[in-house]
PDB file of N, CA and C in Angstrom:
ATOM      1  N   MET A   1     155.190 169.280 179.935  1.00  0.00           N
ATOM      2  CA  MET A   1     156.437 168.988 179.243  1.00  0.00           C
ATOM      3  C   MET A   1     156.849 167.436 179.587  1.00  0.00           C
ATOM      4  N   LYS A   2     156.161 167.257 180.680  1.00  0.00           N
ATOM      5  CA  LYS A   2     156.585 165.834 181.638  1.00  0.00           C
ATOM      6  C   LYS A   2     155.849 164.816 180.284  1.00  0.00           C
ATOM      7  N   GLN A   3     154.536 165.312 180.125  1.00  0.00           N
ATOM      8  CA  GLN A   3     153.545 164.655 179.038  1.00  0.00           C
ATOM      9  C   GLN A   3     154.182 164.114 177.750  1.00  0.00           C
ATOM     10  N   SER A   4     155.158 165.268 176.925  1.00  0.00           N
ATOM     11  CA  SER A   4     155.339 164.808 175.819  1.00  0.00           C
ATOM     12  C   SER A   4     156.776 164.195 176.174  1.00  0.00           C
ATOM     13  N   ILE A   5     157.178 163.848 177.112  1.00  0.00           N
ATOM     14  CA  ILE A   5     158.662 162.991 177.405  1.00  0.00           C
ATOM     15  C   ILE A   5     158.203 161.513 177.514  1.00  0.00           C
ATOM     16  N   LEU A   6     156.626 161.593 178.215  1.00  0.00           N
ATOM     17  CA  LEU A   6     156.399 160.557 178.693  1.00  0.00           C
ATOM     18  C   LEU A   6     155.517 159.951 177.136  1.00  0.00           C
ATOM     19  N   LEU A   7     155.018 160.621 176.289  1.00  0.00           N
ATOM     20  CA  LEU A   7     154.488 159.887 175.282  1.00  0.00           C
ATOM     21  C   LEU A   7     155.495 159.922 174.110  1.00  0.00           C
ATOM     22  N   GLY A   8     156.352 160.640 174.290  1.00  0.00           N
ATOM     23  CA  GLY A   8     157.464 159.756 173.357  1.00  0.00           C
ATOM     24  C   GLY A   8     158.170 158.645 173.840  1.00  0.00           C
ATOM     25  N   MET A   9     158.197 158.417 175.158  1.00  0.00           N
ATOM     26  CA  MET A   9     158.629 157.056 175.541  1.00  0.00           C
ATOM     27  C   MET A   9     157.845 155.842 175.118  1.00  0.00           C
ATOM     28  N   VAL A  10     156.658 156.207 175.583  1.00  0.00           N
ATOM     29  CA  VAL A  10     155.841 155.121 175.349  1.00  0.00           C
ATOM     30  C   VAL A  10     155.778 155.140 173.469  1.00  0.00           C
ATOM     31  N   ILE A  11     155.662 156.249 172.680  1.00  0.00           N
ATOM     32  CA  ILE A  11     155.626 155.649 171.274  1.00  0.00           C
ATOM     33  C   ILE A  11     157.309 154.837 170.767  1.00  0.00           C
ATOM     34  N   LEU A  12     158.079 154.927 171.440  1.00  0.00           N
ATOM     35  CA  LEU A  12     159.453 154.366 171.242  1.00  0.00           C
ATOM     36  C   LEU A  12     159.280 153.061 171.587  1.00  0.00           C
ATOM     37  N   LEU A  13     158.791 152.678 172.669  1.00  0.00           N
ATOM     38  CA  LEU A  13     158.947 151.439 173.366  1.00  0.00           C
ATOM     39  C   LEU A  13     158.327 150.608 172.565  1.00  0.00           C
ATOM     40  N   TYR A  14     156.811 151.110 171.586  1.00  0.00           N
ATOM     41  CA  TYR A  14     155.542 150.192 170.619  1.00  0.00           C
ATOM     42  C   TYR A  14     156.612 150.420 169.518  1.00  0.00           C
ATOM     43  N   MET A  15     157.449 151.310 168.995  1.00  0.00           N
ATOM     44  CA  MET A  15     158.223 151.125 168.040  1.00  0.00           C
ATOM     45  C   MET A  15     158.757 149.812 168.203  1.00  0.00           C
ATOM     46  N   VAL A  16     159.886 149.694 169.311  1.00  0.00           N
ATOM     47  CA  VAL A  16     160.552 148.580 169.408  1.00  0.00           C
ATOM     48  C   VAL A  16     160.252 147.184 169.454  1.00  0.00           C
ATOM     49  N   PHE A  17     158.913 146.869 170.219  1.00  0.00           N
ATOM     50  CA  PHE A  17     158.733 145.949 170.600  1.00  0.00           C
ATOM     51  C   PHE A  17     157.366 145.473 169.134  1.00  0.00           C
ATOM     52  N   SER A  18     156.672 146.211 169.046  1.00  0.00           N
ATOM     53  CA  SER A  18     156.488 145.632 167.462  1.00  0.00           C
ATOM     54  C   SER A  18     156.995 145.655 166.436  1.00  0.00           C
ATOM     55  N   GLY A  19     157.853 146.487 166.197  1.00  0.00           N
ATOM     56  CA  GLY A  19     158.947 146.054 165.067  1.00  0.00           C
ATOM     57  C   GLY A  19     159.795 145.099 164.784  1.00  0.00           C
ATOM     58  N   GLY A  20     160.051 144.745 166.291  1.00  0.00           N
ATOM     59  CA  GLY A  20     160.916 143.261 166.320  1.00  0.00           C
ATOM     60  C   GLY A  20     159.946 141.983 166.137  1.00  0.00           C
ATOM     61  N   ARG A  21     158.693 142.275 166.776  1.00  0.00           N
ATOM     62  CA  ARG A  21     157.726 140.873 166.460  1.00  0.00           C
ATOM     63  C   ARG A  21     157.093 140.733 165.054  1.00  0.00           C
ATOM     64  N   ALA A  22     156.668 141.770 164.310  1.00  0.00           N
ATOM     65  CA  ALA A  22     156.555 141.580 162.993  1.00  0.00           C
ATOM     66  C   ALA A  22     157.726 140.628 161.825  1.00  0.00           C
ATOM     67  N   LYS A  23     159.020 141.373 162.199  1.00  0.00           N
ATOM     68  CA  LYS A  23     159.977 140.395 161.903  1.00  0.00           C
ATOM     69  C   LYS A  23     160.200 138.950 162.402  1.00  0.00           C
ATOM     70  N   ASP A  24     159.909 139.047 163.481  1.00  0.00           N
ATOM     71  CA  ASP A  24     160.065 137.293 164.143  1.00  0.00           C
ATOM     72  C   ASP A  24     158.994 136.403 163.584  1.00  0.00           C
ATOM     73  N   SER A  25     157.923 137.180 163.090  1.00  0.00           N
ATOM     74  CA  SER A  25     156.637 135.835 162.930  1.00  0.00           C
ATOM     75  C   SER A  25     156.962 135.791 161.509  1.00  0.00           C
ATOM     76  N   VAL A  26     157.726 136.222 160.696  1.00  0.00           N
ATOM     77  CA  VAL A  26     157.971 135.754 159.422  1.00  0.00           C
ATOM     78  C   VAL A  26     158.879 134.356 159.531  1.00  0.00           C
ATOM     79  N   LEU A  27     159.782 134.992 160.747  1.00  0.00           N
ATOM     80  CA  LEU A  27     161.145 134.068 160.879  1.00  0.00           C
ATOM     81  C   LEU A  27     160.279 132.593 161.600  1.00  0.00           C
ATOM     82  N   CYS A  28     159.435 132.474 162.320  1.00  0.00           N
ATOM     83  CA  CYS A  28     159.002 131.397 162.719  1.00  0.00           C
ATOM     84  C   CYS A  28     158.602 130.282 161.947  1.00  0.00           C
ATOM     85  N   THR A  29     158.197 130.323 160.587  1.00  0.00           N
ATOM     86  CA  THR A  29     158.105 129.279 159.989  1.00  0.00           C
ATOM     87  C   THR A  29     158.578 128.895 159.173  1.00  0.00           C
ATOM     88  N   ASP A  30     160.226 129.008 159.633  1.00  0.00           N
ATOM     89  CA  ASP A  30     161.336 127.994 158.994  1.00  0.00           C
ATOM     90  C   ASP A  30     161.768 127.334 160.513  1.00  0.00           C
ATOM     91  N   ASP A  31     161.348 126.316 160.496  1.00  0.00           N
ATOM     92  CA  ASP A  31     162.157 125.737 161.656  1.00  0.00           C
ATOM     93  C   ASP A  31     162.302 124.284 161.626  1.00  0.00           C
ATOM     94  N   GLY A  32     162.363 123.699 160.181  1.00  0.00           N
ATOM     95  CA  GLY A  32     162.274 122.213 160.244  1.00  0.00           C
ATOM     96  C   GLY A  32     163.956 121.884 160.304  1.00  0.00           C
ATOM     97  N   ILE A  33     164.866 122.960 159.716  1.00  0.00           N
ATOM     98  CA  ILE A  33     166.387 122.715 160.300  1.00  0.00           C
ATOM     99  C   ILE A  33     166.711 122.821 161.313  1.00  0.00           C
ATOM    100  N   PHE A  34     166.208 123.795 162.130  1.00  0.00           N
ATOM    101  CA  PHE A  34     166.534 123.874 163.443  1.00  0.00           C
ATOM    102  C   PHE A  34     166.224 122.923 164.320  1.00  0.00           C
ATOM    103  N   CYS A  35     164.996 122.765 164.161  1.00  0.00           N
ATOM    104  CA  CYS A  35     164.596 121.822 164.894  1.00  0.00           C
ATOM    105  C   CYS A  35     165.314 120.175 165.014  1.00  0.00           C
ATOM    106  N   GLY A  36     165.674 119.929 163.538  1.00  0.00           N
ATOM    107  CA  GLY A  36     165.995 118.837 163.294  1.00  0.00           C
ATOM    108  C   GLY A  36     167.088 118.763 163.982  1.00  0.00           C
ATOM    109  N   SER A  37     168.189 119.633 163.996  1.00  0.00           N
ATOM    110  CA  SER A  37     169.402 119.925 164.597  1.00  0.00           C
ATOM    111  C   SER A  37     169.133 119.665 166.179  1.00  0.00           C
ATOM    112  N   MET A  38     167.941 120.214 166.642  1.00  0.00           N
ATOM    113  CA  MET A  38     168.147 120.380 168.628  1.00  0.00           C
ATOM    114  C   MET A  38     167.353 118.827 168.969  1.00  0.00           C
ATOM    115  N   VAL A  39     166.800 118.099 167.892  1.00  0.00           N
ATOM    116  CA  VAL A  39     166.043 117.083 168.212  1.00  0.00           C
ATOM    117  C   VAL A  39     167.184 115.741 168.304  1.00  0.00           C
ATOM    118  N   ASN A  40     168.504 116.255 167.362  1.00  0.00           N
ATOM    119  CA  ASN A  40     169.388 115.224 167.014  1.00  0.00           C
ATOM    120  C   ASN A  40     170.924 115.756 167.572  1.00  0.00           C
ATOM    121  N   SER A  41     170.656 116.646 168.375  1.00  0.00           N
ATOM    122  CA  SER A  41     171.659 116.869 169.359  1.00  0.00           C
ATOM    123  C   SER A  41     172.609 117.480 168.310  1.00  0.00           C
ATOM    124  N   ASP A  42     172.593 118.142 167.299  1.00  0.00           N
ATOM    125  CA  ASP A  42     173.393 118.605 166.530  1.00  0.00           C
ATOM    126  C   ASP A  42     173.830 120.154 166.439  1.00  0.00           C
ATOM    127  N   ASP A  43     174.372 120.409 167.325  1.00  0.00           N
ATOM    128  CA  ASP A  43     174.765 121.683 168.352  1.00  0.00           C
ATOM    129  C   ASP A  43     175.116 122.934 167.046  1.00  0.00           C
ATOM    130  N   ASP A  44     176.173 122.188 166.204  1.00  0.00           N
ATOM    131  CA  ASP A  44     176.606 123.310 165.298  1.00  0.00           C
ATOM    132  C   ASP A  44     175.580 123.652 164.482  1.00  0.00           C
ATOM    133  N   LYS A  45     174.925 122.683 163.936  1.00  0.00           N
ATOM    134  CA  LYS A  45     173.368 123.074 162.813  1.00  0.00           C
ATOM    135  C   LYS A  45     172.685 124.150 163.729  1.00  0.00           C
ATOM    136  N   ALA A  46     172.469 123.871 165.062  1.00  0.00           N
ATOM    137  CA  ALA A  46     171.312 124.376 165.688  1.00  0.00           C
ATOM    138  C   ALA A  46     172.313 126.124 166.132  1.00  0.00           C
ATOM    139  N   LEU A  47     173.315 126.195 166.441  1.00  0.00           N
ATOM    140  CA  LEU A  47     173.771 127.297 166.644  1.00  0.00           C
ATOM    141  C   LEU A  47     173.997 128.126 165.509  1.00  0.00           C
ATOM    142  N   ALA A  48     174.143 127.412 164.419  1.00  0.00           N
ATOM    143  CA  ALA A  48     174.377 128.164 163.051  1.00  0.00           C
ATOM    144  C   ALA A  48     173.267 129.124 162.975  1.00  0.00           C
ATOM    145  N   ALA A  49     172.241 128.259 163.102  1.00  0.00           N
ATOM    146  CA  ALA A  49     170.659 128.741 162.927  1.00  0.00           C
ATOM    147  C   ALA A  49     170.160 130.190 163.316  1.00  0.00           C
ATOM    148  N   ILE A  50     170.760 129.995 164.843  1.00  0.00           N
ATOM    149  CA  ILE A  50     170.687 130.930 166.101  1.00  0.00           C
ATOM    150  C   ILE A  50     171.680 132.418 165.608  1.00  0.00           C
ATOM    151  N   ASN A  51     172.913 131.990 165.214  1.00  0.00           N
ATOM    152  CA  ASN A  51     173.238 132.835 164.939  1.00  0.00           C
ATOM    153  C   ASN A  51     173.008 133.510 163.767  1.00  0.00           C
ATOM    154  N   ASN A  52     172.807 132.887 162.309  1.00  0.00           N
ATOM    155  CA  ASN A  52     171.978 133.275 161.602  1.00  0.00           C
ATOM    156  C   ASN A  52     171.018 134.335 162.063  1.00  0.00           C
ATOM    157  N   TYR A  53     169.900 134.351 162.802  1.00  0.00           N
ATOM    158  CA  TYR A  53     169.104 134.705 163.425  1.00  0.00           C
ATOM    159  C   TYR A  53     169.398 136.295 164.012  1.00  0.00           C
ATOM    160  N   LEU A  54     170.362 135.905 164.815  1.00  0.00           N
ATOM    161  CA  LEU A  54     171.132 136.913 165.812  1.00  0.00           C
ATOM    162  C   LEU A  54     171.767 137.926 164.784  1.00  0.00           C
ATOM    163  N   SER A  55     172.237 137.375 163.272  1.00  0.00           N
ATOM    164  CA  SER A  55     172.996 138.361 162.662  1.00  0.00           C
ATOM    165  C   SER A  55     171.791 139.781 162.020  1.00  0.00           C
ATOM    166  N   LYS A  56     170.948 138.987 161.866  1.00  0.00           N
ATOM    167  CA  LYS A  56     169.716 140.056 161.316  1.00  0.00           C
ATOM    168  C   LYS A  56     169.041 140.828 162.542  1.00  0.00           C
ATOM    169  N   GLN A  57     169.590 140.785 163.381  1.00  0.00           N
ATOM    170  CA  GLN A  57     169.210 141.800 164.580  1.00  0.00           C
ATOM    171  C   GLN A  57     169.498 143.067 164.608  1.00  0.00           C
ATOM    172  N   GLU A  58     168.454 144.203 164.738  1.00  0.00           N
ATOM    173  CA  GLU A  58     168.859 145.388 164.517  1.00  0.00           C
ATOM    174  C   GLU A  58     169.974 145.992 165.568  1.00  0.00           C
ATOM    175  N   LYS A  59     171.391 146.626 165.427  1.00  0.00           N
ATOM    176  CA  LYS A  59     172.499 146.815 165.876  1.00  0.00           C
ATOM    177  C   LYS A  59     172.055 147.705 166.978  1.00  0.00           C
ATOM    178  N   ASN A  60     171.371 148.577 167.102  1.00  0.00           N
ATOM    179  CA  ASN A  60     171.448 149.483 167.829  1.00  0.00           C
ATOM    180  C   ASN A  60     170.179 149.492 168.777  1.00  0.00           C
ATOM    181  N   GLN A  61     169.704 148.178 169.127  1.00  0.00           N
ATOM    182  CA  GLN A  61     168.844 147.612 169.708  1.00  0.00           C
ATOM    183  C   GLN A  61     169.700 147.330 171.354  1.00  0.00           C
ATOM    184  N   ALA A  62     169.234 147.236 172.909  1.00  0.00           N
ATOM    185  CA  ALA A  62     169.486 146.860 174.169  1.00  0.00           C
ATOM    186  C   ALA A  62     169.728 145.707 173.670  1.00  0.00           C
ATOM    187  N   ASP A  63     170.839 145.127 174.550  1.00  0.00           N
ATOM    188  CA  ASP A  63     170.962 143.650 174.751  1.00  0.00           C
ATOM    189  C   ASP A  63     169.835 143.060 175.200  1.00  0.00           C
ATOM    190  N   SER A  64     169.198 143.855 176.366  1.00  0.00           N
ATOM    191  CA  SER A  64     167.795 143.237 177.049  1.00  0.00           C
ATOM    192  C   SER A  64     166.883 142.817 175.855  1.00  0.00           C
ATOM    193  N   VAL A  65     166.760 144.098 174.840  1.00  0.00           N
ATOM    194  CA  VAL A  65     165.720 143.521 174.097  1.00  0.00           C
ATOM    195  C   VAL A  65     166.077 142.729 173.024  1.00  0.00           C
ATOM    196  N   LYS A  66     167.186 142.350 172.733  1.00  0.00           N
ATOM    197  CA  LYS A  66     167.913 141.509 171.653  1.00  0.00           C
ATOM    198  C   LYS A  66     167.620 139.784 172.278  1.00  0.00           C
ATOM    199  N   LEU A  67     167.788 140.058 173.716  1.00  0.00           N
ATOM    200  CA  LEU A  67     168.255 138.705 174.100  1.00  0.00           C
ATOM    201  C   LEU A  67     166.123 138.203 174.340  1.00  0.00           C
ATOM    202  N   HIS A  68     165.581 139.072 174.310  1.00  0.00           N
ATOM    203  CA  HIS A  68     164.031 138.634 174.711  1.00  0.00           C
ATOM    204  C   HIS A  68     163.716 138.388 173.410  1.00  0.00           C
ATOM    205  N   LEU A  69     164.152 138.939 172.404  1.00  0.00           N
ATOM    206  CA  LEU A  69     163.766 138.641 170.813  1.00  0.00           C
ATOM    207  C   LEU A  69     164.107 137.456 170.264  1.00  0.00           C
ATOM    208  N   LEU A  70     165.049 137.099 171.265  1.00  0.00           N
ATOM    209  CA  LEU A  70     165.897 135.514 170.660  1.00  0.00           C
ATOM    210  C   LEU A  70     164.925 134.755 171.612  1.00  0.00           C
ATOM    211  N   LYS A  71     164.906 135.121 172.933  1.00  0.00           N
ATOM    212  CA  LYS A  71     163.709 133.675 173.135  1.00  0.00           C
ATOM    213  C   LYS A  71     162.358 133.869 172.823  1.00  0.00           C
ATOM    214  N   ASP A  72     161.764 135.047 172.272  1.00  0.00           N
ATOM    215  CA  ASP A  72     160.439 135.004 171.387  1.00  0.00           C
ATOM    216  C   ASP A  72     160.614 133.883 170.112  1.00  0.00           C
ATOM    217  N   TRP A  73     161.890 134.326 169.639  1.00  0.00           N
ATOM    218  CA  TRP A  73     162.514 133.640 168.268  1.00  0.00           C
ATOM    219  C   TRP A  73     162.450 131.939 168.484  1.00  0.00           C
ATOM    220  N   LEU A  74     162.923 132.004 169.505  1.00  0.00           N
ATOM    221  CA  LEU A  74     162.695 130.173 169.879  1.00  0.00           C
ATOM    222  C   LEU A  74     161.572 129.480 170.775  1.00  0.00           C
ATOM    223  N   GLU A  75     161.236 130.320 171.118  1.00  0.00           N
ATOM    224  CA  GLU A  75     159.700 130.023 171.348  1.00  0.00           C
ATOM    225  C   GLU A  75     158.872 129.548 170.644  1.00  0.00           C
ATOM    226  N   CYS A  76     158.848 130.175 168.876  1.00  0.00           N
ATOM    227  CA  CYS A  76     157.986 130.119 167.810  1.00  0.00           C
ATOM    228  C   CYS A  76     158.311 128.589 167.211  1.00  0.00           C
ATOM    229  N   LYS A  77     159.594 128.237 167.607  1.00  0.00           N
ATOM    230  CA  LYS A  77     160.028 127.072 166.744  1.00  0.00           C
ATOM    231  C   LYS A  77     159.090 126.024 167.545  1.00  0.00           C
ATOM    232  N   SER A  78     158.494 124.786 166.877  1.00  0.00           N
ATOM    233  CA  SER A  78     157.370 123.519 167.111  1.00  0.00           C
ATOM    234  C   SER A  78     158.430 122.675 168.170  1.00  0.00           C
ATOM    235  N   CYS A  79     159.685 122.417 168.202  1.00  0.00           N
ATOM    236  CA  CYS A  79     160.425 121.750 169.033  1.00  0.00           C
ATOM    237  C   CYS A  79     160.893 122.457 170.538  1.00  0.00           C
ATOM    238  N   ILE A  80     160.685 123.626 170.236  1.00  0.00           N
ATOM    239  CA  ILE A  80     161.018 124.922 171.532  1.00  0.00           C
ATOM    240  C   ILE A  80     159.721 124.813 172.623  1.00  0.00           C
ATOM    241  N   GLN A  81     159.910 124.309 174.020  1.00  0.00           N
ATOM    242  CA  GLN A  81     158.685 124.460 174.448  1.00  0.00           C
ATOM    243  C   GLN A  81     158.289 125.388 175.211  1.00  0.00           C
ATOM    244  N   GLU A  82     159.556 125.899 176.260  1.00  0.00           N
ATOM    245  CA  GLU A  82     159.956 127.118 176.883  1.00  0.00           C
ATOM    246  C   GLU A  82     161.333 127.522 176.825  1.00  0.00           C
ATOM    247  N   VAL A  83     161.727 128.806 177.083  1.00  0.00           N
ATOM    248  CA  VAL A  83     162.814 129.526 176.702  1.00  0.00           C
ATOM    249  C   VAL A  83     162.977 130.542 178.086  1.00  0.00           C
ATOM    250  N   ARG A  84     164.147 130.532 178.875  1.00  0.00           N
ATOM    251  CA  ARG A  84     164.115 131.680 180.094  1.00  0.00           C
ATOM    252  C   ARG A  84     165.557 132.240 180.049  1.00  0.00           C
ATOM    253  N   VAL A  85     165.417 133.642 180.154  1.00  0.00           N
ATOM    254  CA  VAL A  85     166.456 134.582 180.198  1.00  0.00           C
ATOM    255  C   VAL A  85     166.890 134.388 181.588  1.00  0.00           C
ATOM    256  N   LEU A  86     167.749 133.272 181.777  1.00  0.00           N
ATOM    257  CA  LEU A  86     168.480 133.302 183.151  1.00  0.00           C
ATOM    258  C   LEU A  86     169.198 134.164 183.522  1.00  0.00           C
ATOM    259  N   CYS A  87     170.131 135.285 182.732  1.00  0.00           N
ATOM    260  CA  CYS A  87     171.004 136.080 183.115  1.00  0.00           C
ATOM    261  C   CYS A  87     171.232 136.938 181.697  1.00  0.00           C
ATOM    262  N   ASN A  88     171.490 138.002 182.116  1.00  0.00           N
ATOM    263  CA  ASN A  88     171.923 139.286 181.048  1.00  0.00           C
ATOM    264  C   ASN A  88     173.572 139.762 181.379  1.00  0.00           C
ATOM    265  N   SER A  89     174.239 139.311 180.790  1.00  0.00           N
ATOM    266  CA  SER A  89     175.540 139.471 181.123  1.00  0.00           C
ATOM    267  C   SER A  89     176.108 138.983 182.380  1.00  0.00           C
ATOM    268  N   CYS A  90     175.793 138.208 182.934  1.00  0.00           N
ATOM    269  CA  CYS A  90     176.362 137.454 184.276  1.00  0.00           C
ATOM    270  C   CYS A  90     177.505 136.838 184.188  1.00  0.00           C
ATOM    271  N   ILE A  91     178.274 136.448 183.186  1.00  0.00           N
ATOM    272  CA  ILE A  91     179.472 135.571 182.859  1.00  0.00           C
ATOM    273  C   ILE A  91     180.195 137.029 182.805  1.00  0.00           C
ATOM    274  N   LYS A  92     181.310 137.335 183.858  1.00  0.00           N
ATOM    275  CA  LYS A  92     182.157 137.914 183.454  1.00  0.00           C
ATOM    276  C   LYS A  92     183.417 137.613 182.645  1.00  0.00           C
ATOM    277  N   THR A  93     182.807 137.630 181.229  1.00  0.00           N
ATOM    278  CA  THR A  93     184.008 137.434 180.278  1.00  0.00           C
ATOM    279  C   THR A  93     184.192 138.799 179.486  1.00  0.00           C
ATOM    280  N   TYR A  94     185.226 138.794 178.475  1.00  0.00           N
ATOM    281  CA  TYR A  94     185.004 140.187 177.540  1.00  0.00           C
ATOM    282  C   TYR A  94     184.948 139.632 176.176  1.00  0.00           C
ATOM    283  N   PRO A  95     183.588 139.752 175.225  1.00  0.00           N
ATOM    284  CA  PRO A  95     182.509 140.522 175.906  1.00  0.00           C
ATOM    285  C   PRO A  95     181.550 139.434 176.798  1.00  0.00           C
ATOM    286  N   ALA A  96     181.168 140.047 177.758  1.00  0.00           N
ATOM    287  CA  ALA A  96     180.335 139.253 178.645  1.00  0.00           C
ATOM    288  C   ALA A  96     179.240 138.513 178.091  1.00  0.00           C
ATOM    289  N   GLN A  97     178.703 137.464 178.855  1.00  0.00           N
ATOM    290  CA  GLN A  97     177.817 136.317 178.428  1.00  0.00           C
ATOM    291  C   GLN A  97     176.813 135.889 178.711  1.00  0.00           C
ATOM    292  N   SER A  98     175.607 135.976 178.518  1.00  0.00           N
ATOM    293  CA  SER A  98     174.298 135.429 179.224  1.00  0.00           C
ATOM    294  C   SER A  98     173.876 134.200 178.941  1.00  0.00           C
ATOM    295  N   GLU A  99     172.824 133.786 179.815  1.00  0.00           N
ATOM    296  CA  GLU A  99     172.356 132.430 179.395  1.00  0.00           C
ATOM    297  C   GLU A  99     170.691 132.421 178.990  1.00  0.00           C
ATOM    298  N   LEU A 100     170.286 131.532 178.828  1.00  0.00           N
ATOM    299  CA  LEU A 100     168.808 130.971 178.584  1.00  0.00           C
ATOM    300  C   LEU A 100     168.704 129.885 178.717  1.00  0.00           C
ATOM    301  N   SER A 101     167.816 129.264 179.334  1.00  0.00           N
ATOM    302  CA  SER A 101     167.256 127.755 179.385  1.00  0.00           C
ATOM    303  C   SER A 101     166.778 127.878 178.516  1.00  0.00           C
ATOM    304  N   VAL A 102     166.629 126.086 177.657  1.00  0.00           N
ATOM    305  CA  VAL A 102     165.942 126.010 176.310  1.00  0.00           C
ATOM    306  C   VAL A 102     165.114 124.725 176.958  1.00  0.00           C
ATOM    307  N   ARG A 103     163.981 124.749 176.798  1.00  0.00           N
ATOM    308  CA  ARG A 103     163.397 123.142 177.082  1.00  0.00           C
ATOM    309  C   ARG A 103     162.964 122.706 176.037  1.00  0.00           C
ATOM    310  N   LEU A 104     162.916 121.641 175.614  1.00  0.00           N
ATOM    311  CA  LEU A 104     162.610 120.957 174.210  1.00  0.00           C
ATOM    312  C   LEU A 104     160.989 120.427 174.675  1.00  0.00           C
ATOM    313  N   THR A 105     160.189 120.600 173.290  1.00  0.00           N
ATOM    314  CA  THR A 105     158.733 120.048 173.442  1.00  0.00           C
ATOM    315  C   THR A 105     158.639 118.623 174.060  1.00  0.00           C
ATOM    316  N   GLY A 106     158.191 117.938 174.826  1.00  0.00           N
ATOM    317  CA  GLY A 106     158.159 116.770 175.286  1.00  0.00           C
ATOM    318  C   GLY A 106     158.986 116.335 176.084  1.00  0.00           C
ATOM    319  N   SER A 107     159.926 117.489 176.600  1.00  0.00           N
ATOM    320  CA  SER A 107     160.838 116.721 177.820  1.00  0.00           C
ATOM    321  C   SER A 107     160.558 117.231 179.049  1.00  0.00           C
ATOM    322  N   GLU A 108     160.987 116.413 180.052  1.00  0.00           N
ATOM    323  CA  GLU A 108     160.733 116.771 181.529  1.00  0.00           C
ATOM    324  C   GLU A 108     161.100 117.651 181.794  1.00  0.00           C
ATOM    325  N   PRO A 109     160.530 118.498 182.915  1.00  0.00           N
ATOM    326  CA  PRO A 109     160.486 119.939 183.280  1.00  0.00           C
ATOM    327  C   PRO A 109     162.126 119.953 183.925  1.00  0.00           C
ATOM    328  N   ASP A 110     162.608 119.115 184.572  1.00  0.00           N
ATOM    329  CA  ASP A 110     163.981 119.411 184.891  1.00  0.00           C
ATOM    330  C   ASP A 110     165.008 119.461 183.978  1.00  0.00           C
ATOM    331  N   ASP A 111     164.496 118.603 182.507  1.00  0.00           N
ATOM    332  CA  ASP A 111     165.820 118.379 181.421  1.00  0.00           C
ATOM    333  C   ASP A 111     165.473 119.482 180.568  1.00  0.00           C
ATOM    334  N   VAL A 112     166.906 120.367 180.919  1.00  0.00           N
ATOM    335  CA  VAL A 112     166.625 122.090 180.377  1.00  0.00           C
ATOM    336  C   VAL A 112     168.251 121.779 179.709  1.00  0.00           C
ATOM    337  N   LEU A 113     168.354 122.455 178.377  1.00  0.00           N
ATOM    338  CA  LEU A 113     169.555 122.960 177.939  1.00  0.00           C
ATOM    339  C   LEU A 113     169.702 124.340 178.131  1.00  0.00           C
ATOM    340  N   VAL A 114     171.019 124.753 178.506  1.00  0.00           N
ATOM    341  CA  VAL A 114     171.143 125.943 178.698  1.00  0.00           C
ATOM    342  C   VAL A 114     172.007 126.895 177.722  1.00  0.00           C
ATOM    343  N   LEU A 115     171.765 127.860 177.028  1.00  0.00           N
ATOM    344  CA  LEU A 115     172.240 128.146 175.663  1.00  0.00           C
ATOM    345  C   LEU A 115     173.066 129.323 176.197  1.00  0.00           C
ATOM    346  N   ASP A 116     174.568 129.299 175.860  1.00  0.00           N
ATOM    347  CA  ASP A 116     175.634 130.798 176.655  1.00  0.00           C
ATOM    348  C   ASP A 116     174.980 131.887 175.161  1.00  0.00           C
ATOM    349  N   ILE A 117     174.824 132.693 175.294  1.00  0.00           N
ATOM    350  CA  ILE A 117     174.889 134.066 174.040  1.00  0.00           C
ATOM    351  C   ILE A 117     176.238 134.919 174.501  1.00  0.00           C
ATOM    352  N   LEU A 118     177.234 135.225 173.714  1.00  0.00           N
ATOM    353  CA  LEU A 118     178.398 135.882 173.669  1.00  0.00           C
ATOM    354  C   LEU A 118     177.676 137.692 173.377  1.00  0.00           C
ATOM    355  N   MET A 119     177.392 138.533 174.233  1.00  0.00           N
ATOM    356  CA  MET A 119     177.185 139.715 174.352  1.00  0.00           C
ATOM    357  C   MET A 119     177.769 140.435 173.480  1.00  0.00           C
ATOM    358  N   SER A 120     178.208 140.287 172.254  1.00  0.00           N
ATOM    359  CA  SER A 120     178.895 140.969 171.409  1.00  0.00           C
ATOM    360  C   SER A 120     177.992 141.447 170.097  1.00  0.00           C
ATOM    361  N   ASN A 121     178.682 142.747 169.594  1.00  0.00           N
ATOM    362  CA  ASN A 121     177.541 142.872 168.664  1.00  0.00           C
ATOM    363  C   ASN A 121     177.581 142.931 167.137  1.00  0.00           C
ATOM    364  N   PRO A 122     176.930 141.827 166.306  1.00  0.00           N
ATOM    365  CA  PRO A 122     175.654 141.175 167.075  1.00  0.00           C
ATOM    366  C   PRO A 122     176.217 140.131 168.187  1.00  0.00           C
ATOM    367  N   LEU A 123     174.856 139.853 169.021  1.00  0.00           N
ATOM    368  CA  LEU A 123     174.917 138.702 169.610  1.00  0.00           C
ATOM    369  C   LEU A 123     175.337 137.623 169.136  1.00  0.00           C
ATOM    370  N   LYS A 124     175.997 136.358 169.934  1.00  0.00           N
ATOM    371  CA  LYS A 124     176.687 135.172 169.090  1.00  0.00           C
ATOM    372  C   LYS A 124     176.223 134.244 170.119  1.00  0.00           C
ATOM    373  N   ALA A 125     175.361 133.121 169.575  1.00  0.00           N
ATOM    374  CA  ALA A 125     175.476 131.801 170.525  1.00  0.00           C
ATOM    375  C   ALA A 125     176.342 130.974 170.817  1.00  0.00           C
ATOM    376  N   ILE A 126     177.233 130.896 171.569  1.00  0.00           N
ATOM    377  CA  ILE A 126     178.675 129.683 171.391  1.00  0.00           C
ATOM    378  C   ILE A 126     178.342 128.345 171.904  1.00  0.00           C
ATOM    379  N   ARG A 127     177.636 128.218 172.698  1.00  0.00           N
ATOM    380  CA  ARG A 127     177.417 126.641 173.280  1.00  0.00           C
ATOM    381  C   ARG A 127     176.030 125.932 173.934  1.00  0.00           C
ATOM    382  N   PHE A 128     175.514 124.969 173.565  1.00  0.00           N
ATOM    383  CA  PHE A 128     174.841 124.552 174.809  1.00  0.00           C
ATOM    384  C   PHE A 128     175.569 123.738 175.613  1.00  0.00           C
ATOM    385  N   HIS A 129     174.975 123.860 177.213  1.00  0.00           N
ATOM    386  CA  HIS A 129     175.287 122.604 178.006  1.00  0.00           C
ATOM    387  C   HIS A 129     174.441 122.179 179.011  1.00  0.00           C
TER     388      HIS A 129
END
């Protein structure tokens, strides 16, 4: 019985992570507008592109999975060097907010933007600071 449950969990995890990555690899190729807005500090256009991606995420995925898929999607952009999930639902608003650090390609290690994500369904990028 334990082996059946374990096998089921492994299959479920594989389906969740492999399914999301296949979709992300297609979306990685379209980064011209997004990167242009990031380089030119046009937050409204960058947030619109992020929210367009977030609106297409599966509604029944766990919030932590959605955040990591967003991290992967951002890191596949040519203008993004590194993204880290700083916290998941750590800002106690309604709904809660999460934060991601975003370092642009060619920027100094200490020069990072923080992206606030509203943990609604779908998730929503609300600001850079």
